[in-house]
Amino acid sequence: MKTPNSKFIKVRCKDCENEQVLFNKTSSVVSCHICGSKLALPKGGKAEVRGEILETIE
């Protein structure tokens, strides 16, 4: 059985240190809920994460 390689990740914002959970293959821009800076950008596969990845949630 094939397992999915897409996961949720916990990311810390570099600007305000807020922590958010997001999908690692997002199809839209993910912004921080507190300060509005961009945490992840879609890249046609795995997202370009601009924050610090704290953990992978399986």
PDB file of N, CA and C in Angstrom:
ATOM      1  N   MET A   1       0.834  -1.178   0.000  1.00  0.00           N
ATOM      2  CA  MET A   1       0.000   0.000   0.000  1.00  0.00           C
ATOM      3  C   MET A   1       0.889   1.256   0.000  1.00  0.00           C
ATOM      4  N   LYS A   2       0.586   2.179  -0.836  1.00  0.00           N
ATOM      5  CA  LYS A   2       1.370   3.406  -0.949  1.00  0.00           C
ATOM      6  C   LYS A   2       0.928   4.409   0.123  1.00  0.00           C
ATOM      7  N   THR A   3       1.905   5.025   0.787  1.00  0.00           N
ATOM      8  CA  THR A   3       1.602   6.020   1.799  1.00  0.00           C
ATOM      9  C   THR A   3       1.746   7.414   1.198  1.00  0.00           C
ATOM     10  N   PRO A   4       0.910   8.338   1.611  1.00  0.00           N
ATOM     11  CA  PRO A   4       1.009   9.701   1.070  1.00  0.00           C
ATOM     12  C   PRO A   4       2.280  10.393   1.569  1.00  0.00           C
ATOM     13  N   ASN A   5       2.880  11.217   0.711  1.00  0.00           N
ATOM     14  CA  ASN A   5       4.084  11.939   1.124  1.00  0.00           C
ATOM     15  C   ASN A   5       3.783  13.399   1.440  1.00  0.00           C
ATOM     16  N   SER A   6       2.512  13.742   1.509  1.00  0.00           N
ATOM     17  CA  SER A   6       2.113  15.087   1.916  1.00  0.00           C
ATOM     18  C   SER A   6       1.760  15.044   3.406  1.00  0.00           C
ATOM     19  N   LYS A   7       2.191  16.087   4.111  1.00  0.00           N
ATOM     20  CA  LYS A   7       2.002  16.113   5.562  1.00  0.00           C
ATOM     21  C   LYS A   7       1.664  17.520   6.026  1.00  0.00           C
ATOM     22  N   PHE A   8       1.238  17.609   7.265  1.00  0.00           N
ATOM     23  CA  PHE A   8       1.060  18.897   7.913  1.00  0.00           C
ATOM     24  C   PHE A   8       2.340  19.203   8.674  1.00  0.00           C
ATOM     25  N   ILE A   9       2.722  20.469   8.704  1.00  0.00           N
ATOM     26  CA  ILE A   9       3.928  20.878   9.403  1.00  0.00           C
ATOM     27  C   ILE A   9       3.613  22.058  10.319  1.00  0.00           C
ATOM     28  N   LYS A  10       4.327  22.135  11.440  1.00  0.00           N
ATOM     29  CA  LYS A  10       4.199  23.280  12.342  1.00  0.00           C
ATOM     30  C   LYS A  10       5.343  24.223  12.020  1.00  0.00           C
ATOM     31  N   VAL A  11       4.998  25.488  11.739  1.00  0.00           N
ATOM     32  CA  VAL A  11       5.972  26.483  11.307  1.00  0.00           C
ATOM     33  C   VAL A  11       5.931  27.683  12.237  1.00  0.00           C
ATOM     34  N   ARG A  12       7.114  28.227  12.558  1.00  0.00           N
ATOM     35  CA  ARG A  12       7.214  29.440  13.377  1.00  0.00           C
ATOM     36  C   ARG A  12       7.530  30.618  12.465  1.00  0.00           C
ATOM     37  N   CYS A  13       6.750  31.685  12.604  1.00  0.00           N
ATOM     38  CA  CYS A  13       6.958  32.910  11.835  1.00  0.00           C
ATOM     39  C   CYS A  13       8.276  33.552  12.260  1.00  0.00           C
ATOM     40  N   LYS A  14       9.092  33.958  11.283  1.00  0.00           N
ATOM     41  CA  LYS A  14      10.378  34.599  11.585  1.00  0.00           C
ATOM     42  C   LYS A  14      10.199  36.012  12.131  1.00  0.00           C
ATOM     43  N   ASP A  15       9.081  36.672  11.817  1.00  0.00           N
ATOM     44  CA  ASP A  15       8.873  38.050  12.243  1.00  0.00           C
ATOM     45  C   ASP A  15       8.302  38.169  13.656  1.00  0.00           C
ATOM     46  N   CYS A  16       7.247  37.390  13.962  1.00  0.00           N
ATOM     47  CA  CYS A  16       6.584  37.555  15.263  1.00  0.00           C
ATOM     48  C   CYS A  16       6.626  36.298  16.139  1.00  0.00           C
ATOM     49  N   GLU A  17       7.214  35.212  15.645  1.00  0.00           N
ATOM     50  CA  GLU A  17       7.364  33.942  16.361  1.00  0.00           C
ATOM     51  C   GLU A  17       6.046  33.223  16.645  1.00  0.00           C
ATOM     52  N   ASN A  18       4.981  33.586  15.940  1.00  0.00           N
ATOM     53  CA  ASN A  18       3.726  32.862  16.042  1.00  0.00           C
ATOM     54  C   ASN A  18       3.915  31.476  15.420  1.00  0.00           C
ATOM     55  N   GLU A  19       3.273  30.453  16.001  1.00  0.00           N
ATOM     56  CA  GLU A  19       3.357  29.098  15.461  1.00  0.00           C
ATOM     57  C   GLU A  19       2.041  28.726  14.814  1.00  0.00           C
ATOM     58  N   GLN A  20       2.107  28.178  13.588  1.00  0.00           N
ATOM     59  CA  GLN A  20       0.926  27.761  12.844  1.00  0.00           C
ATOM     60  C   GLN A  20       1.167  26.401  12.225  1.00  0.00           C
ATOM     61  N   VAL A  21       0.086  25.660  12.034  1.00  0.00           N
ATOM     62  CA  VAL A  21       0.139  24.385  11.336  1.00  0.00           C
ATOM     63  C   VAL A  21      -0.362  24.625   9.919  1.00  0.00           C
ATOM     64  N   LEU A  22       0.402  24.114   8.931  1.00  0.00           N
ATOM     65  CA  LEU A  22      -0.004  24.266   7.539  1.00  0.00           C
ATOM     66  C   LEU A  22       0.352  23.013   6.760  1.00  0.00           C
ATOM     67  N   PHE A  23      -0.221  22.914   5.556  1.00  0.00           N
ATOM     68  CA  PHE A  23      -0.025  21.776   4.677  1.00  0.00           C
ATOM     69  C   PHE A  23       1.257  21.991   3.889  1.00  0.00           C
ATOM     70  N   ASN A  24       2.104  20.962   3.793  1.00  0.00           N
ATOM     71  CA  ASN A  24       3.397  21.161   3.131  1.00  0.00           C
ATOM     72  C   ASN A  24       3.300  21.224   1.607  1.00  0.00           C
ATOM     73  N   LYS A  25       2.142  20.946   1.042  1.00  0.00           N
ATOM     74  CA  LYS A  25       1.944  21.057  -0.408  1.00  0.00           C
ATOM     75  C   LYS A  25       0.794  22.024  -0.700  1.00  0.00           C
ATOM     76  N   THR A  26       0.849  23.176  -0.091  1.00  0.00           N
ATOM     77  CA  THR A  26      -0.221  24.162  -0.228  1.00  0.00           C
ATOM     78  C   THR A  26      -0.325  24.678  -1.663  1.00  0.00           C
ATOM     79  N   SER A  27      -1.532  24.991  -2.092  1.00  0.00           N
ATOM     80  CA  SER A  27      -1.747  25.520  -3.443  1.00  0.00           C
ATOM     81  C   SER A  27      -2.054  27.008  -3.421  1.00  0.00           C
ATOM     82  N   SER A  28      -1.948  27.628  -2.244  1.00  0.00           N
ATOM     83  CA  SER A  28      -2.144  29.075  -2.136  1.00  0.00           C
ATOM     84  C   SER A  28      -1.165  29.633  -1.106  1.00  0.00           C
ATOM     85  N   VAL A  29      -0.970  30.931  -1.135  1.00  0.00           N
ATOM     86  CA  VAL A  29      -0.054  31.581  -0.200  1.00  0.00           C
ATOM     87  C   VAL A  29      -0.612  31.465   1.215  1.00  0.00           C
ATOM     88  N   VAL A  30       0.231  31.079   2.161  1.00  0.00           N
ATOM     89  CA  VAL A  30      -0.168  30.986   3.567  1.00  0.00           C
ATOM     90  C   VAL A  30       0.492  32.134   4.310  1.00  0.00           C
ATOM     91  N   SER A  31      -0.333  32.974   4.946  1.00  0.00           N
ATOM     92  CA  SER A  31       0.162  34.123   5.695  1.00  0.00           C
ATOM     93  C   SER A  31       0.012  33.886   7.185  1.00  0.00           C
ATOM     94  N   CYS A  32       0.868  34.542   7.953  1.00  0.00           N
ATOM     95  CA  CYS A  32       0.803  34.477   9.410  1.00  0.00           C
ATOM     96  C   CYS A  32      -0.490  35.132   9.885  1.00  0.00           C
ATOM     97  N   HIS A  33      -1.174  34.493  10.836  1.00  0.00           N
ATOM     98  CA  HIS A  33      -2.426  35.035  11.363  1.00  0.00           C
ATOM     99  C   HIS A  33      -2.214  36.303  12.190  1.00  0.00           C
ATOM    100  N   ILE A  34      -1.023  36.481  12.744  1.00  0.00           N
ATOM    101  CA  ILE A  34      -0.749  37.603  13.624  1.00  0.00           C
ATOM    102  C   ILE A  34      -0.223  38.817  12.860  1.00  0.00           C
ATOM    103  N   CYS A  35       0.877  38.652  12.125  1.00  0.00           N
ATOM    104  CA  CYS A  35       1.515  39.808  11.494  1.00  0.00           C
ATOM    105  C   CYS A  35       1.310  39.887   9.980  1.00  0.00           C
ATOM    106  N   GLY A  36       0.823  38.817   9.351  1.00  0.00           N
ATOM    107  CA  GLY A  36       0.531  38.846   7.926  1.00  0.00           C
ATOM    108  C   GLY A  36       1.696  38.520   7.011  1.00  0.00           C
ATOM    109  N   SER A  37       2.880  38.211   7.545  1.00  0.00           N
ATOM    110  CA  SER A  37       4.003  37.863   6.673  1.00  0.00           C
ATOM    111  C   SER A  37       3.761  36.489   6.040  1.00  0.00           C
ATOM    112  N   LYS A  38       4.383  36.250   4.903  1.00  0.00           N
ATOM    113  CA  LYS A  38       4.168  35.010   4.159  1.00  0.00           C
ATOM    114  C   LYS A  38       4.960  33.871   4.785  1.00  0.00           C
ATOM    115  N   LEU A  39       4.255  32.794   5.147  1.00  0.00           N
ATOM    116  CA  LEU A  39       4.893  31.620   5.735  1.00  0.00           C
ATOM    117  C   LEU A  39       5.216  30.566   4.693  1.00  0.00           C
ATOM    118  N   ALA A  40       4.387  30.452   3.642  1.00  0.00           N
ATOM    119  CA  ALA A  40       4.615  29.442   2.617  1.00  0.00           C
ATOM    120  C   ALA A  40       4.062  29.927   1.285  1.00  0.00           C
ATOM    121  N   LEU A  41       4.794  29.582   0.224  1.00  0.00           N
ATOM    122  CA  LEU A  41       4.401  29.928  -1.136  1.00  0.00           C
ATOM    123  C   LEU A  41       4.258  28.650  -1.950  1.00  0.00           C
ATOM    124  N   PRO A  42       3.217  28.537  -2.790  1.00  0.00           N
ATOM    125  CA  PRO A  42       3.058  27.336  -3.604  1.00  0.00           C
ATOM    126  C   PRO A  42       4.133  27.275  -4.692  1.00  0.00           C
ATOM    127  N   LYS A  43       4.628  26.081  -4.957  1.00  0.00           N
ATOM    128  CA  LYS A  43       5.662  25.895  -5.977  1.00  0.00           C
ATOM    129  C   LYS A  43       5.352  24.713  -6.892  1.00  0.00           C
ATOM    130  N   GLY A  44       4.098  24.313  -7.020  1.00  0.00           N
ATOM    131  CA  GLY A  44       3.725  23.231  -7.916  1.00  0.00           C
ATOM    132  C   GLY A  44       3.964  21.843  -7.339  1.00  0.00           C
ATOM    133  N   GLY A  45       4.381  21.728  -6.140  1.00  0.00           N
ATOM    134  CA  GLY A  45       4.636  20.481  -5.422  1.00  0.00           C
ATOM    135  C   GLY A  45       4.719  20.857  -3.965  1.00  0.00           C
ATOM    136  N   LYS A  46       5.860  20.590  -3.368  1.00  0.00           N
ATOM    137  CA  LYS A  46       6.064  21.039  -1.992  1.00  0.00           C
ATOM    138  C   LYS A  46       6.164  22.549  -1.958  1.00  0.00           C
ATOM    139  N   ALA A  47       5.608  23.128  -0.928  1.00  0.00           N
ATOM    140  CA  ALA A  47       5.605  24.586  -0.790  1.00  0.00           C
ATOM    141  C   ALA A  47       6.989  25.085  -0.376  1.00  0.00           C
ATOM    142  N   GLU A  48       7.271  26.326  -0.734  1.00  0.00           N
ATOM    143  CA  GLU A  48       8.485  26.990  -0.256  1.00  0.00           C
ATOM    144  C   GLU A  48       8.155  27.596   1.095  1.00  0.00           C
ATOM    145  N   VAL A  49       8.680  26.996   2.152  1.00  0.00           N
ATOM    146  CA  VAL A  49       8.390  27.434   3.517  1.00  0.00           C
ATOM    147  C   VAL A  49       9.373  28.532   3.891  1.00  0.00           C
ATOM    148  N   ARG A  50       8.850  29.667   4.328  1.00  0.00           N
ATOM    149  CA  ARG A  50       9.689  30.811   4.685  1.00  0.00           C
ATOM    150  C   ARG A  50       9.862  30.967   6.182  1.00  0.00           C
ATOM    151  N   GLY A  51       9.197  30.149   6.954  1.00  0.00           N
ATOM    152  CA  GLY A  51       9.362  30.186   8.402  1.00  0.00           C
ATOM    153  C   GLY A  51      10.235  29.030   8.852  1.00  0.00           C
ATOM    154  N   GLU A  52      10.387  28.883  10.153  1.00  0.00           N
ATOM    155  CA  GLU A  52      11.168  27.794  10.722  1.00  0.00           C
ATOM    156  C   GLU A  52      10.262  26.592  10.929  1.00  0.00           C
ATOM    157  N   ILE A  53      10.598  25.452  10.338  1.00  0.00           N
ATOM    158  CA  ILE A  53       9.798  24.227  10.510  1.00  0.00           C
ATOM    159  C   ILE A  53      10.151  23.626  11.868  1.00  0.00           C
ATOM    160  N   LEU A  54       9.134  23.511  12.719  1.00  0.00           N
ATOM    161  CA  LEU A  54       9.347  22.999  14.079  1.00  0.00           C
ATOM    162  C   LEU A  54       9.143  21.499  14.153  1.00  0.00           C
ATOM    163  N   GLU A  55       8.111  20.989  13.484  1.00  0.00           N
ATOM    164  CA  GLU A  55       7.845  19.547  13.518  1.00  0.00           C
ATOM    165  C   GLU A  55       6.932  19.147  12.372  1.00  0.00           C
ATOM    166  N   THR A  56       6.945  17.861  12.056  1.00  0.00           N
ATOM    167  CA  THR A  56       6.055  17.281  11.061  1.00  0.00           C
ATOM    168  C   THR A  56       4.982  16.518  11.793  1.00  0.00           C
ATOM    169  N   ILE A  57       3.737  16.763  11.430  1.00  0.00           N
ATOM    170  CA  ILE A  57       2.599  16.098  12.077  1.00  0.00           C
ATOM    171  C   ILE A  57       2.093  15.022  11.130  1.00  0.00           C
ATOM    172  N   GLU A  58       2.099  13.778  11.609  1.00  0.00           N
ATOM    173  CA  GLU A  58       1.691  12.670  10.749  1.00  0.00           C
ATOM    174  C   GLU A  58       0.332  12.144  11.103  1.00  0.00           C
TER     175      GLU A  58
END
